[in-house]
Protein backbone atom coordinates (compact mmCIF):
# COMPACT_ATOMS: atom_id res chain seq x y z
CA MET A 1 -21.70 -3.26 -10.02
CA SER A 2 -20.42 -0.55 -12.72
CA GLY A 3 -15.90 0.00 -12.26
CA PRO A 4 -13.47 -1.33 -9.81
CA LEU A 5 -13.43 -0.80 -5.94
CA LEU A 6 -9.60 0.83 -6.07
CA VAL A 7 -7.09 1.49 -3.11
CA VAL A 8 -4.75 3.17 -2.53
CA ASP A 9 -1.76 2.75 -0.44
CA GLY A 10 -1.46 6.09 1.15
CA ASP A 11 1.68 6.08 2.62
CA SER A 12 3.51 4.84 -0.16
CA PHE A 13 2.51 7.24 -3.02
CA ALA A 14 2.72 10.52 -0.28
CA HIS A 15 6.79 9.37 0.07
CA ARG A 16 6.52 9.44 -3.79
CA ALA A 17 5.14 12.47 -4.52
CA TYR A 18 7.24 14.53 -1.18
CA HIS A 19 10.40 13.25 -3.14
CA ALA A 20 9.14 13.74 -6.96
CA LEU A 21 8.40 17.63 -6.27
CA PRO A 22 9.99 20.31 -5.31
CA LYS A 23 10.35 21.51 -1.86
CA THR A 24 9.76 24.36 -2.70
CA ILE A 25 6.21 24.11 -2.86
CA LYS A 26 4.69 25.74 -0.33
CA ARG A 27 1.15 26.42 1.24
CA ALA A 28 0.01 29.08 4.01
CA GLU A 29 2.61 30.59 5.93
CA GLY A 30 5.35 29.29 4.26
CA ARG A 31 4.83 25.36 5.28
CA PRO A 32 5.44 22.42 2.94
CA ALA A 33 2.96 21.24 0.55
CA GLY A 34 4.76 18.65 -2.44
CA ALA A 35 3.30 15.84 -0.63
CA LEU A 36 -0.17 17.75 0.12
CA VAL A 37 -0.41 18.81 -4.19
CA GLY A 38 1.29 15.88 -5.37
CA PHE A 39 -0.82 13.55 -3.98
CA ALA A 40 -3.80 15.27 -4.09
CA ASN A 41 -3.26 15.02 -8.05
CA MET A 42 -2.32 11.79 -8.09
CA LEU A 43 -5.96 10.54 -6.04
CA LEU A 44 -7.72 12.71 -8.65
CA ARG A 45 -5.66 11.72 -11.93
CA LEU A 46 -6.42 7.93 -10.59
CA TRP A 47 -9.80 8.68 -10.27
CA GLU A 48 -10.64 10.21 -13.43
CA SER A 49 -8.31 7.58 -15.00
CA GLU A 50 -10.00 4.28 -13.24
CA SER A 51 -13.50 5.59 -12.79
CA PRO A 52 -13.81 3.46 -9.77
CA ARG A 53 -17.16 2.66 -8.25
CA SER A 54 -15.59 3.67 -4.81
CA VAL A 55 -11.81 4.51 -3.47
CA VAL A 56 -10.07 3.73 -0.12
CA VAL A 57 -7.03 5.41 0.69
CA ALA A 58 -5.11 3.04 3.40
CA TRP A 59 -2.49 5.06 6.09
CA ASP A 60 0.02 3.64 8.19
CA THR A 61 -0.50 5.05 12.13
CA LEU A 62 3.46 6.27 12.48
CA GLU A 63 2.94 7.09 16.43
CA VAL A 64 2.02 2.73 17.32
CA PRO A 65 3.68 -0.51 17.00
CA THR A 66 2.54 -3.15 15.15
CA TYR A 67 2.21 -6.32 16.23
CA ARG A 68 4.98 -7.14 13.23
CA HIS A 69 7.24 -5.16 15.38
CA GLU A 70 6.85 -6.37 18.63
CA ALA A 71 7.31 -9.29 17.59
CA PHE A 72 10.55 -8.92 15.45
CA PRO A 73 11.55 -5.66 16.83
CA PRO A 74 14.43 -5.04 13.77
CA TYR A 75 11.28 -4.88 11.56
CA GLN A 76 11.11 -1.23 9.36
CA SER A 77 14.05 -0.18 12.35
CA GLY A 78 16.24 2.71 11.53
CA ARG A 79 13.52 4.37 8.82
CA GLU A 80 13.96 8.16 9.44
CA PHE A 81 11.45 10.66 8.08
CA ASP A 82 11.58 14.70 7.31
CA ALA A 83 9.98 16.51 9.72
CA ASP A 84 8.26 18.41 6.30
CA LEU A 85 7.05 14.50 5.60
CA LEU A 86 6.05 13.64 8.61
CA GLU A 87 3.54 17.10 9.05
CA GLN A 88 2.14 16.63 5.25
CA LEU A 89 1.42 12.90 6.51
CA ALA A 90 -0.68 13.51 9.49
CA LEU A 91 -2.73 16.30 7.42
CA LEU A 92 -2.81 14.19 4.24
CA PRO A 93 -5.85 11.29 5.75
CA GLY A 94 -8.14 15.25 6.41
CA LEU A 95 -7.55 15.99 3.11
CA VAL A 96 -8.69 12.78 1.50
CA THR A 97 -11.80 12.70 3.51
CA ALA A 98 -12.46 15.83 3.09
CA ILE A 99 -11.92 15.16 -1.27
CA GLY A 100 -14.40 12.94 -1.13
CA PHE A 101 -13.29 9.36 -0.58
CA ALA A 102 -12.73 7.37 2.90
CA ALA A 103 -9.50 6.75 4.93
CA ALA A 104 -8.53 3.28 6.85
CA LYS A 105 -6.44 3.86 9.14
CA GLY A 106 -5.94 2.79 12.66
CA ALA A 107 -3.34 1.65 15.53
CA GLY A 108 -1.46 -1.57 15.16
CA TYR A 109 -2.43 -1.59 11.69
CA GLU A 110 -0.61 -0.77 8.19
CA ALA A 111 -1.55 0.27 5.05
CA ASP A 112 -0.95 -2.82 3.59
CA ASP A 113 -3.43 -4.67 5.34
CA PHE A 114 -6.17 -2.10 5.38
CA LEU A 115 -5.25 -3.08 1.36
CA ALA A 116 -5.57 -6.60 2.22
CA ALA A 117 -8.59 -5.94 4.04
CA VAL A 118 -10.87 -3.96 0.80
CA ALA A 119 -9.45 -6.81 -1.48
CA ALA A 120 -11.04 -9.58 0.57
CA GLU A 121 -14.61 -7.56 1.03
CA GLY A 122 -14.09 -6.37 -3.02
CA GLU A 123 -13.36 -9.76 -3.68
CA ARG A 124 -16.64 -11.02 -1.70
CA ARG A 125 -19.50 -8.81 -3.12
CA GLY A 126 -18.11 -10.18 -6.68
CA GLY A 127 -16.81 -6.60 -8.06
CA THR A 128 -13.22 -6.19 -9.10
CA VAL A 129 -10.47 -4.44 -7.12
CA LEU A 130 -7.75 -2.34 -7.52
CA VAL A 131 -4.93 -2.06 -5.49
CA ALA A 132 -2.18 0.96 -5.79
CA THR A 133 0.99 0.63 -4.12
CA SER A 134 4.84 0.45 -4.70
CA ASP A 135 5.24 -2.22 -2.26
CA ARG A 136 5.31 -5.48 -3.93
CA ASP A 137 4.03 -7.25 -0.42
CA ALA A 138 0.86 -6.47 -2.21
CA TYR A 139 1.47 -9.01 -4.91
CA GLN A 140 -0.23 -11.83 -2.49
CA LEU A 141 -3.01 -10.13 -3.04
CA ALA A 142 -3.30 -10.39 -7.21
CA SER A 143 -5.76 -12.88 -8.06
CA SER A 144 -8.47 -12.65 -11.20
CA GLN A 145 -10.72 -10.24 -9.74
CA THR A 146 -8.33 -7.73 -7.55
CA THR A 147 -4.94 -6.08 -9.96
CA ILE A 148 -1.88 -4.46 -8.53
CA LEU A 149 -1.51 -0.85 -10.12
CA GLN A 150 2.50 -0.42 -9.79
CA PRO A 151 3.99 2.68 -10.23
CA ALA A 152 6.71 2.15 -13.33
CA ARG A 153 10.59 2.61 -12.29
CA GLY A 154 11.44 6.02 -13.08
CA GLY A 155 7.91 7.16 -14.46
CA GLY A 156 4.62 8.32 -13.49
CA GLU A 157 2.73 5.05 -15.42
CA LEU A 158 1.06 2.63 -13.36
CA VAL A 159 1.74 -1.25 -14.29
CA ARG A 160 -0.86 -3.68 -14.12
CA ILE A 161 -0.16 -7.07 -11.89
CA GLY A 162 -2.16 -10.18 -12.04
CA PRO A 163 -1.80 -14.01 -10.94
CA ALA A 164 1.15 -13.68 -14.59
CA GLU A 165 2.74 -11.00 -13.58
CA VAL A 166 3.66 -12.01 -10.00
CA GLN A 167 4.24 -15.07 -11.40
CA GLU A 168 6.81 -13.83 -14.40
CA ARG A 169 8.66 -11.40 -11.73
CA TYR A 170 8.77 -13.93 -8.91
CA GLY A 171 8.41 -17.89 -10.04
CA VAL A 172 5.98 -18.20 -7.13
CA GLU A 173 1.99 -18.22 -7.46
CA PRO A 174 0.51 -14.84 -5.47
CA ALA A 175 -0.92 -17.12 -2.55
CA GLN A 176 3.03 -18.23 -2.20
CA VAL A 177 4.52 -14.95 -2.14
CA PRO A 178 4.61 -14.41 2.23
CA ASP A 179 6.54 -17.78 1.95
CA PHE A 180 8.64 -16.10 -1.24
CA ILE A 181 9.73 -13.32 1.18
CA ALA A 182 10.68 -15.21 4.53
CA LEU A 183 13.18 -17.18 2.40
CA ARG A 184 14.65 -14.96 0.47
CA GLY A 185 14.24 -11.70 2.92
CA ASP A 186 12.85 -8.22 3.01
CA PRO A 187 16.18 -6.37 3.56
CA SER A 188 13.41 -3.03 3.09
CA ASP A 189 11.62 -4.57 6.28
CA ARG A 190 14.93 -5.75 7.49
CA LEU A 191 13.73 -9.47 7.57
CA PRO A 192 16.45 -11.92 7.10
CA GLY A 193 15.60 -14.46 5.42
CA ALA A 194 17.31 -17.97 5.22
CA ARG A 195 20.42 -18.61 5.64
CA GLY A 196 21.94 -18.40 1.55
CA VAL A 197 18.81 -18.39 -0.14
CA GLY A 198 18.47 -15.86 -2.90
CA PRO A 199 15.00 -15.22 -4.92
CA LYS A 200 15.57 -17.73 -7.19
CA ARG A 201 16.39 -20.45 -5.39
CA ALA A 202 13.26 -19.52 -2.64
CA ALA A 203 10.84 -19.37 -5.96
CA ALA A 204 12.62 -23.49 -5.95
CA VAL A 205 12.02 -24.47 -3.35
CA LEU A 206 8.03 -23.01 -2.96
CA ARG A 207 7.98 -25.09 -6.97
CA GLU A 208 9.19 -28.39 -5.21
CA HIS A 209 7.33 -28.47 -2.02
CA GLY A 210 3.93 -25.32 -2.56
CA SER A 211 4.77 -23.58 1.10
CA LEU A 212 6.71 -22.50 3.52
CA GLU A 213 5.53 -25.02 6.23
CA ALA A 214 5.42 -28.35 3.43
CA ALA A 215 9.82 -27.47 3.45
CA LEU A 216 9.73 -27.26 7.04
CA ALA A 217 7.88 -30.96 7.07
CA ALA A 218 10.06 -31.99 4.80
CA GLY A 219 13.44 -31.50 6.74
CA ARG A 220 14.36 -27.94 5.41
CA PHE A 221 15.90 -24.95 6.91
CA SER A 222 15.62 -27.10 9.96
CA THR A 223 17.52 -24.38 12.38
CA GLN A 224 15.38 -22.00 11.70
CA ALA A 225 12.10 -23.10 11.07
CA GLU A 226 10.21 -20.90 13.89
CA GLU A 227 11.71 -17.87 12.62
CA LEU A 228 10.73 -18.66 9.19
CA ARG A 229 7.92 -19.12 10.73
CA LEU A 230 7.42 -15.46 12.23
CA MET A 231 8.86 -13.95 8.89
CA ARG A 232 6.44 -15.41 6.78
CA ARG A 233 3.37 -14.21 9.42
CA ILE A 234 5.43 -10.89 9.57
CA ALA A 235 4.80 -10.54 5.26
CA THR A 236 1.25 -11.88 5.97
CA LEU A 237 -1.35 -8.99 5.71
CA ASP A 238 -3.60 -9.11 7.34
CA ALA A 239 -7.46 -9.02 5.81
CA SER A 240 -9.43 -8.37 9.17
CA ALA A 241 -7.91 -4.74 9.02
CA PRO A 242 -11.39 -2.48 10.09
CA LEU A 243 -12.82 -0.75 7.00
CA PRO A 244 -14.61 2.17 6.55
CA SER A 245 -18.01 2.14 4.58
CA LEU A 246 -16.89 0.97 1.32
CA GLN A 247 -20.02 3.01 -0.32
CA GLY A 248 -19.94 5.20 -3.81
CA HIS A 249 -17.22 7.55 -3.19
CA SER A 250 -16.89 10.94 -5.41
CA PRO A 251 -14.83 14.15 -5.06
CA GLY A 252 -15.41 17.43 -5.18
CA GLY A 253 -18.25 19.66 -3.65
CA VAL A 254 -17.70 23.15 -1.42
CA GLY A 255 -16.01 20.47 1.80
CA ALA A 256 -13.64 19.62 -0.40
CA SER A 257 -12.44 22.97 -1.77
CA SER A 258 -12.46 24.30 1.36
CA PHE A 259 -10.69 22.79 3.05
CA ALA A 260 -7.90 22.44 0.43
CA ARG A 261 -8.16 26.97 1.10
CA GLU A 262 -7.88 26.99 3.54
CA LEU A 263 -4.32 24.66 4.08
CA GLY A 264 -3.19 27.27 1.01
CA LEU A 265 -3.42 24.99 -1.68
CA ASN A 266 -5.25 27.36 -3.60
CA ALA A 267 -4.76 25.61 -7.06
CA LEU A 268 -6.19 22.44 -5.79
CA ALA A 269 -8.50 24.30 -4.46
CA ASP A 270 -9.80 25.81 -7.91
CA ARG A 271 -9.23 22.08 -9.39
CA LEU A 272 -11.53 21.06 -6.75
CA ALA A 273 -14.55 23.28 -7.46
CA ALA A 274 -14.20 23.16 -11.27
CA LEU A 275 -15.06 18.85 -10.56
CA PRO A 276 -18.48 17.94 -12.04
């Protein structure tokens, strides 16, 4: 089995591309194109640098709530996306498949869930997995077989995160990350966490008890027990998300360049046409 299995958090990198590139980048009929161009170029750079045996790009379904939103209505509330970004997010899964990679998307699941599903399947098959995302929830996936590729702050470089790096940054093991998030909270997702508990105390509780459930059994956080169990469930990625075929994918071909050219992305079309 040659090369790692690569799974990419499409929404995460599309957002980065949209905010990093000038809004003056346009496609046919003057429509916005920065996220499309930036994301496609990033994906091709990953392909060239990592030589994966297969690539899956995971996407949120923004129009349909997940069980997380239904169980905890404040979850991710208040997020607003520019109309130009939403327009490009709708086109990106089609561009990904035209390029020659697999797209994973399904109502009720977040992109993160597909990351977990790909990592679990890749490990089951005995290979190595690369998970490209800026979302630190994915730290729970780090293992001897699975490495997180996380964009460095202020640059395009990707930092490799394994179990040792999770321990260094959070003070817990990857398997404890959902418990850690439940206790510490996550402002970006509007998860409140345990009252008065920050990252250092959350890590200390888990070093002492091993898990959130064990801490609750010991009488800790008794007034928030059910809320914290819910927060842990929300923070746990769902590896049962349905996956497309993980058979080998490679970019390029007439279909890829034609799709890009139809969108008016001529420079990208030329790059795709030139791929071996």
